[in-house]
Amino acid sequence: MYQLLREEARQAGTPMGHDAFHKSYIRFVDLIQERKMGGVRIVATKLPRD
């Protein structure tokens, strides 16, 4: 999907984003699909009301 949107941006003559981010995002997706990376860790703190 990300690659499709990037190509649509290129065809429309709008900025496509940074190549370094694009390459790292593709690598990230590959790692998830290969099950070499995954999971989510969410940490939250409730702040006191003023």
PDB file of N, CA and C in Angstrom:
ATOM      1  N   MET A   1       0.821  -1.182   0.000  1.00  0.00           N
ATOM      2  CA  MET A   1       0.000   0.000   0.000  1.00  0.00           C
ATOM      3  C   MET A   1       0.877   1.262   0.000  1.00  0.00           C
ATOM      4  N   TYR A   2       1.892   1.259   0.838  1.00  0.00           N
ATOM      5  CA  TYR A   2       2.758   2.440   0.927  1.00  0.00           C
ATOM      6  C   TYR A   2       3.452   2.707  -0.402  1.00  0.00           C
ATOM      7  N   GLN A   3       3.894   1.633  -1.061  1.00  0.00           N
ATOM      8  CA  GLN A   3       4.559   1.801  -2.348  1.00  0.00           C
ATOM      9  C   GLN A   3       3.592   2.350  -3.394  1.00  0.00           C
ATOM     10  N   LEU A   4       2.348   1.910  -3.367  1.00  0.00           N
ATOM     11  CA  LEU A   4       1.334   2.403  -4.289  1.00  0.00           C
ATOM     12  C   LEU A   4       1.090   3.901  -4.074  1.00  0.00           C
ATOM     13  N   LEU A   5       0.961   4.317  -2.820  1.00  0.00           N
ATOM     14  CA  LEU A   5       0.748   5.725  -2.523  1.00  0.00           C
ATOM     15  C   LEU A   5       1.940   6.574  -2.954  1.00  0.00           C
ATOM     16  N   ARG A   6       3.121   6.039  -2.767  1.00  0.00           N
ATOM     17  CA  ARG A   6       4.334   6.765  -3.172  1.00  0.00           C
ATOM     18  C   ARG A   6       4.352   6.960  -4.691  1.00  0.00           C
ATOM     19  N   GLU A   7       3.978   5.923  -5.424  1.00  0.00           N
ATOM     20  CA  GLU A   7       3.938   6.024  -6.880  1.00  0.00           C
ATOM     21  C   GLU A   7       2.857   7.006  -7.342  1.00  0.00           C
ATOM     22  N   GLU A   8       1.712   6.993  -6.681  1.00  0.00           N
ATOM     23  CA  GLU A   8       0.648   7.942  -7.015  1.00  0.00           C
ATOM     24  C   GLU A   8       1.121   9.379  -6.778  1.00  0.00           C
ATOM     25  N   ALA A   9       1.864   9.599  -5.716  1.00  0.00           N
ATOM     26  CA  ALA A   9       2.403  10.929  -5.435  1.00  0.00           C
ATOM     27  C   ALA A   9       3.378  11.346  -6.532  1.00  0.00           C
ATOM     28  N   ARG A  10       4.224  10.414  -6.968  1.00  0.00           N
ATOM     29  CA  ARG A  10       5.192  10.711  -8.027  1.00  0.00           C
ATOM     30  C   ARG A  10       4.462  11.102  -9.312  1.00  0.00           C
ATOM     31  N   GLN A  11       3.437  10.338  -9.672  1.00  0.00           N
ATOM     32  CA  GLN A  11       2.695  10.613 -10.902  1.00  0.00           C
ATOM     33  C   GLN A  11       1.954  11.949 -10.830  1.00  0.00           C
ATOM     34  N   ALA A  12       1.523  12.327  -9.641  1.00  0.00           N
ATOM     35  CA  ALA A  12       0.799  13.584  -9.469  1.00  0.00           C
ATOM     36  C   ALA A  12       1.748  14.778  -9.375  1.00  0.00           C
ATOM     37  N   GLY A  13       3.055  14.512  -9.303  1.00  0.00           N
ATOM     38  CA  GLY A  13       4.023  15.589  -9.221  1.00  0.00           C
ATOM     39  C   GLY A  13       4.156  16.185  -7.831  1.00  0.00           C
ATOM     40  N   THR A  14       3.706  15.460  -6.824  1.00  0.00           N
ATOM     41  CA  THR A  14       3.816  15.938  -5.446  1.00  0.00           C
ATOM     42  C   THR A  14       4.992  15.245  -4.757  1.00  0.00           C
ATOM     43  N   PRO A  15       5.464  15.778  -3.634  1.00  0.00           N
ATOM     44  CA  PRO A  15       6.601  15.157  -2.943  1.00  0.00           C
ATOM     45  C   PRO A  15       6.292  13.703  -2.558  1.00  0.00           C
ATOM     46  N   MET A  16       7.272  12.836  -2.771  1.00  0.00           N
ATOM     47  CA  MET A  16       7.102  11.412  -2.484  1.00  0.00           C
ATOM     48  C   MET A  16       7.633  11.026  -1.115  1.00  0.00           C
ATOM     49  N   GLY A  17       8.246  11.933  -0.411  1.00  0.00           N
ATOM     50  CA  GLY A  17       8.831  11.596   0.882  1.00  0.00           C
ATOM     51  C   GLY A  17      10.303  11.272   0.734  1.00  0.00           C
ATOM     52  N   HIS A  18      10.952  11.016   1.853  1.00  0.00           N
ATOM     53  CA  HIS A  18      12.385  10.762   1.859  1.00  0.00           C
ATOM     54  C   HIS A  18      12.692   9.308   1.533  1.00  0.00           C
ATOM     55  N   ASP A  19      13.706   9.095   0.711  1.00  0.00           N
ATOM     56  CA  ASP A  19      14.082   7.739   0.322  1.00  0.00           C
ATOM     57  C   ASP A  19      14.510   6.898   1.518  1.00  0.00           C
ATOM     58  N   ALA A  20      15.235   7.494   2.462  1.00  0.00           N
ATOM     59  CA  ALA A  20      15.700   6.735   3.624  1.00  0.00           C
ATOM     60  C   ALA A  20      14.522   6.196   4.426  1.00  0.00           C
ATOM     61  N   PHE A  21      13.493   7.027   4.619  1.00  0.00           N
ATOM     62  CA  PHE A  21      12.301   6.554   5.339  1.00  0.00           C
ATOM     63  C   PHE A  21      11.621   5.451   4.549  1.00  0.00           C
ATOM     64  N   HIS A  22      11.496   5.640   3.238  1.00  0.00           N
ATOM     65  CA  HIS A  22      10.845   4.637   2.388  1.00  0.00           C
ATOM     66  C   HIS A  22      11.554   3.287   2.499  1.00  0.00           C
ATOM     67  N   LYS A  23      12.874   3.296   2.398  1.00  0.00           N
ATOM     68  CA  LYS A  23      13.648   2.051   2.479  1.00  0.00           C
ATOM     69  C   LYS A  23      13.519   1.401   3.852  1.00  0.00           C
ATOM     70  N   SER A  24      13.555   2.194   4.910  1.00  0.00           N
ATOM     71  CA  SER A  24      13.444   1.618   6.256  1.00  0.00           C
ATOM     72  C   SER A  24      12.042   1.056   6.502  1.00  0.00           C
ATOM     73  N   TYR A  25      11.014   1.712   5.952  1.00  0.00           N
ATOM     74  CA  TYR A  25       9.642   1.215   6.112  1.00  0.00           C
ATOM     75  C   TYR A  25       9.470  -0.117   5.388  1.00  0.00           C
ATOM     76  N   ILE A  26      10.024  -0.227   4.182  1.00  0.00           N
ATOM     77  CA  ILE A  26       9.954  -1.489   3.433  1.00  0.00           C
ATOM     78  C   ILE A  26      10.647  -2.592   4.223  1.00  0.00           C
ATOM     79  N   ARG A  27      11.800  -2.296   4.810  1.00  0.00           N
ATOM     80  CA  ARG A  27      12.528  -3.294   5.618  1.00  0.00           C
ATOM     81  C   ARG A  27      11.722  -3.685   6.843  1.00  0.00           C
ATOM     82  N   PHE A  28      11.099  -2.723   7.495  1.00  0.00           N
ATOM     83  CA  PHE A  28      10.269  -2.980   8.662  1.00  0.00           C
ATOM     84  C   PHE A  28       9.120  -3.932   8.309  1.00  0.00           C
ATOM     85  N   VAL A  29       8.434  -3.667   7.214  1.00  0.00           N
ATOM     86  CA  VAL A  29       7.325  -4.527   6.784  1.00  0.00           C
ATOM     87  C   VAL A  29       7.833  -5.930   6.483  1.00  0.00           C
ATOM     88  N   ASP A  30       8.981  -6.033   5.812  1.00  0.00           N
ATOM     89  CA  ASP A  30       9.562  -7.350   5.525  1.00  0.00           C
ATOM     90  C   ASP A  30       9.835  -8.124   6.814  1.00  0.00           C
ATOM     91  N   LEU A  31      10.407  -7.472   7.812  1.00  0.00           N
ATOM     92  CA  LEU A  31      10.708  -8.142   9.081  1.00  0.00           C
ATOM     93  C   LEU A  31       9.433  -8.629   9.770  1.00  0.00           C
ATOM     94  N   ILE A  32       8.374  -7.855   9.712  1.00  0.00           N
ATOM     95  CA  ILE A  32       7.099  -8.274  10.307  1.00  0.00           C
ATOM     96  C   ILE A  32       6.551  -9.492   9.565  1.00  0.00           C
ATOM     97  N   GLN A  33       6.557  -9.437   8.231  1.00  0.00           N
ATOM     98  CA  GLN A  33       6.023 -10.535   7.439  1.00  0.00           C
ATOM     99  C   GLN A  33       6.836 -11.810   7.603  1.00  0.00           C
ATOM    100  N   GLU A  34       8.132 -11.687   7.828  1.00  0.00           N
ATOM    101  CA  GLU A  34       9.005 -12.845   8.053  1.00  0.00           C
ATOM    102  C   GLU A  34       8.924 -13.350   9.491  1.00  0.00           C
ATOM    103  N   ARG A  35       8.135 -12.680  10.305  1.00  0.00           N
ATOM    104  CA  ARG A  35       7.969 -13.016  11.726  1.00  0.00           C
ATOM    105  C   ARG A  35       9.281 -12.945  12.502  1.00  0.00           C
ATOM    106  N   LYS A  36      10.157 -12.050  12.064  1.00  0.00           N
ATOM    107  CA  LYS A  36      11.408 -11.812  12.776  1.00  0.00           C
ATOM    108  C   LYS A  36      11.261 -10.650  13.750  1.00  0.00           C
ATOM    109  N   MET A  37      10.168  -9.922  13.606  1.00  0.00           N
ATOM    110  CA  MET A  37       9.893  -8.787  14.473  1.00  0.00           C
ATOM    111  C   MET A  37       8.384  -8.716  14.645  1.00  0.00           C
ATOM    112  N   GLY A  38       7.955  -8.302  15.805  1.00  0.00           N
ATOM    113  CA  GLY A  38       6.521  -8.167  16.009  1.00  0.00           C
ATOM    114  C   GLY A  38       6.204  -7.787  17.439  1.00  0.00           C
ATOM    115  N   GLY A  39       4.947  -7.566  17.657  1.00  0.00           N
ATOM    116  CA  GLY A  39       4.489  -7.233  18.990  1.00  0.00           C
ATOM    117  C   GLY A  39       4.429  -5.736  19.226  1.00  0.00           C
ATOM    118  N   VAL A  40       3.711  -5.397  20.254  1.00  0.00           N
ATOM    119  CA  VAL A  40       3.546  -3.997  20.626  1.00  0.00           C
ATOM    120  C   VAL A  40       3.652  -3.892  22.137  1.00  0.00           C
ATOM    121  N   ARG A  41       4.322  -2.872  22.594  1.00  0.00           N
ATOM    122  CA  ARG A  41       4.394  -2.622  24.023  1.00  0.00           C
ATOM    123  C   ARG A  41       3.932  -1.191  24.256  1.00  0.00           C
ATOM    124  N   ILE A  42       2.900  -1.049  25.043  1.00  0.00           N
ATOM    125  CA  ILE A  42       2.345   0.269  25.332  1.00  0.00           C
ATOM    126  C   ILE A  42       2.473   0.522  26.823  1.00  0.00           C
ATOM    127  N   VAL A  43       3.048   1.660  27.159  1.00  0.00           N
ATOM    128  CA  VAL A  43       3.207   2.050  28.554  1.00  0.00           C
ATOM    129  C   VAL A  43       2.523   3.400  28.721  1.00  0.00           C
ATOM    130  N   ALA A  44       1.706   3.504  29.744  1.00  0.00           N
ATOM    131  CA  ALA A  44       0.988   4.767  29.980  1.00  0.00           C
ATOM    132  C   ALA A  44       1.061   5.124  31.456  1.00  0.00           C
ATOM    133  N   THR A  45       0.983   6.407  31.701  1.00  0.00           N
ATOM    134  CA  THR A  45       0.960   6.919  33.060  1.00  0.00           C
ATOM    135  C   THR A  45      -0.202   7.903  33.165  1.00  0.00           C
ATOM    136  N   LYS A  46      -0.997   7.725  34.192  1.00  0.00           N
ATOM    137  CA  LYS A  46      -2.101   8.656  34.410  1.00  0.00           C
ATOM    138  C   LYS A  46      -1.551   9.872  35.150  1.00  0.00           C
ATOM    139  N   LEU A  47      -1.724  11.020  34.539  1.00  0.00           N
ATOM    140  CA  LEU A  47      -1.235  12.256  35.142  1.00  0.00           C
ATOM    141  C   LEU A  47      -2.279  12.800  36.114  1.00  0.00           C
ATOM    142  N   PRO A  48      -1.841  13.387  37.227  1.00  0.00           N
ATOM    143  CA  PRO A  48      -2.783  13.970  38.167  1.00  0.00           C
ATOM    144  C   PRO A  48      -3.448  15.208  37.571  1.00  0.00           C
ATOM    145  N   ARG A  49      -4.686  15.420  37.937  1.00  0.00           N
ATOM    146  CA  ARG A  49      -5.391  16.621  37.478  1.00  0.00           C
ATOM    147  C   ARG A  49      -4.917  17.822  38.284  1.00  0.00           C
ATOM    148  N   ASP A  50      -4.876  18.957  37.631  1.00  0.00           N
ATOM    149  CA  ASP A  50      -4.473  20.192  38.324  1.00  0.00           C
ATOM    150  C   ASP A  50      -5.635  20.813  39.043  1.00  0.00           C
TER     151      ASP A  50
END
